[in-house]
Amino acid sequence: MSEKVINVKGMMCNGCENRIKNALGSMEGVKEVTADHNTGKVTVKYEDNVEVNALEQKIEDIGFEVVKED
């Protein structure tokens, strides 16, 4: 099991958090998702066969921006 914290721009409210949690939570291999619009952080616990790029793409597909770390 792996864990990734993703910085997300555009989360403004609990509704935004729920959209991200539902979208990522529906992906195969994703076990747990927490989102906090106050910090702009999404934490995902997932099986090792899940690609981080797929998680980030799903977030962008529903209208949010993933902030890449340098």
C-alpha atoms as a PDB file:
ATOM      1  CA  MET A   1       0.000   0.000   0.000  1.00  0.00           C
ATOM      2  CA  SER A   2       1.283   3.441  -0.937  1.00  0.00           C
ATOM      3  CA  GLU A   3       0.312   6.953   0.054  1.00  0.00           C
ATOM      4  CA  LYS A   4       0.615  10.170  -1.946  1.00  0.00           C
ATOM      5  CA  VAL A   5      -0.141  13.766  -1.022  1.00  0.00           C
ATOM      6  CA  ILE A   6      -1.207  15.785  -4.060  1.00  0.00           C
ATOM      7  CA  ASN A   7      -1.369  19.579  -4.017  1.00  0.00           C
ATOM      8  CA  VAL A   8      -4.541  20.747  -5.746  1.00  0.00           C
ATOM      9  CA  LYS A   9      -5.495  24.257  -6.817  1.00  0.00           C
ATOM     10  CA  GLY A  10      -9.153  25.225  -7.127  1.00  0.00           C
ATOM     11  CA  MET A  11     -10.765  23.446  -4.163  1.00  0.00           C
ATOM     12  CA  MET A  12     -12.988  26.073  -2.565  1.00  0.00           C
ATOM     13  CA  CYS A  13     -15.462  24.181  -0.379  1.00  0.00           C
ATOM     14  CA  ASN A  14     -16.638  20.857   1.017  1.00  0.00           C
ATOM     15  CA  GLY A  15     -18.412  20.177  -2.272  1.00  0.00           C
ATOM     16  CA  CYS A  16     -15.076  20.378  -4.095  1.00  0.00           C
ATOM     17  CA  GLU A  17     -13.559  17.982  -1.572  1.00  0.00           C
ATOM     18  CA  ASN A  18     -16.408  15.535  -2.125  1.00  0.00           C
ATOM     19  CA  ARG A  19     -16.065  15.695  -5.933  1.00  0.00           C
ATOM     20  CA  ILE A  20     -12.403  14.740  -5.650  1.00  0.00           C
ATOM     21  CA  LYS A  21     -13.037  12.042  -3.030  1.00  0.00           C
ATOM     22  CA  ASN A  22     -15.797  10.472  -5.138  1.00  0.00           C
ATOM     23  CA  ALA A  23     -13.798  10.624  -8.384  1.00  0.00           C
ATOM     24  CA  LEU A  24     -10.632   9.114  -6.925  1.00  0.00           C
ATOM     25  CA  GLY A  25     -12.519   6.718  -4.658  1.00  0.00           C
ATOM     26  CA  SER A  26     -14.211   5.169  -7.695  1.00  0.00           C
ATOM     27  CA  MET A  27     -10.850   4.225  -9.215  1.00  0.00           C
ATOM     28  CA  GLU A  28      -9.779   0.605  -8.947  1.00  0.00           C
ATOM     29  CA  GLY A  29      -7.072   0.125  -6.329  1.00  0.00           C
ATOM     30  CA  VAL A  30      -7.778   3.352  -4.426  1.00  0.00           C
ATOM     31  CA  LYS A  31      -8.455   2.533  -0.779  1.00  0.00           C
ATOM     32  CA  GLU A  32      -8.825   5.892   0.971  1.00  0.00           C
ATOM     33  CA  VAL A  33      -9.033   9.549  -0.049  1.00  0.00           C
ATOM     34  CA  THR A  34      -8.986  12.644   2.141  1.00  0.00           C
ATOM     35  CA  ALA A  35      -9.214  16.174   0.767  1.00  0.00           C
ATOM     36  CA  ASP A  36      -8.852  19.517   2.542  1.00  0.00           C
ATOM     37  CA  HIS A  37      -9.820  22.665   0.666  1.00  0.00           C
ATOM     38  CA  ASN A  38      -8.203  24.836   3.351  1.00  0.00           C
ATOM     39  CA  THR A  39      -4.737  23.416   2.685  1.00  0.00           C
ATOM     40  CA  GLY A  40      -5.267  22.377  -0.934  1.00  0.00           C
ATOM     41  CA  LYS A  41      -4.027  18.882  -0.178  1.00  0.00           C
ATOM     42  CA  VAL A  42      -5.463  15.534  -1.243  1.00  0.00           C
ATOM     43  CA  THR A  43      -4.094  12.396   0.405  1.00  0.00           C
ATOM     44  CA  VAL A  44      -4.623   9.101  -1.386  1.00  0.00           C
ATOM     45  CA  LYS A  45      -3.898   5.607  -0.079  1.00  0.00           C
ATOM     46  CA  TYR A  46      -3.746   3.100  -2.894  1.00  0.00           C
ATOM     47  CA  GLU A  47      -2.503  -0.292  -3.976  1.00  0.00           C
ATOM     48  CA  ASP A  48       0.927  -0.445  -5.570  1.00  0.00           C
ATOM     49  CA  ASN A  49      -0.494  -1.134  -9.041  1.00  0.00           C
ATOM     50  CA  VAL A  50      -2.109   2.337  -9.216  1.00  0.00           C
ATOM     51  CA  GLU A  51      -0.200   4.979 -11.190  1.00  0.00           C
ATOM     52  CA  VAL A  52       0.177   8.391  -9.531  1.00  0.00           C
ATOM     53  CA  ASN A  53      -0.180   9.987 -12.961  1.00  0.00           C
ATOM     54  CA  ALA A  54      -3.636   8.407 -13.278  1.00  0.00           C
ATOM     55  CA  LEU A  55      -4.681   9.922  -9.936  1.00  0.00           C
ATOM     56  CA  GLU A  56      -3.461  13.358 -10.980  1.00  0.00           C
ATOM     57  CA  GLN A  57      -5.134  13.074 -14.392  1.00  0.00           C
ATOM     58  CA  LYS A  58      -8.467  12.168 -12.772  1.00  0.00           C
ATOM     59  CA  ILE A  59      -8.269  15.295 -10.594  1.00  0.00           C
ATOM     60  CA  GLU A  60      -7.582  17.445 -13.654  1.00  0.00           C
ATOM     61  CA  ASP A  61     -10.347  15.721 -15.644  1.00  0.00           C
ATOM     62  CA  ILE A  62     -12.949  16.944 -13.126  1.00  0.00           C
ATOM     63  CA  GLY A  63     -11.744  20.534 -13.319  1.00  0.00           C
ATOM     64  CA  PHE A  64      -9.048  21.047 -10.714  1.00  0.00           C
ATOM     65  CA  GLU A  65      -5.358  21.850 -11.189  1.00  0.00           C
ATOM     66  CA  VAL A  66      -2.641  19.593  -9.820  1.00  0.00           C
ATOM     67  CA  VAL A  67       0.299  21.655  -8.566  1.00  0.00           C
ATOM     68  CA  LYS A  68       3.491  19.809  -9.436  1.00  0.00           C
ATOM     69  CA  GLU A  69       6.326  19.889  -6.959  1.00  0.00           C
ATOM     70  CA  ASP A  70       9.806  20.711  -8.250  1.00  0.00           C
END
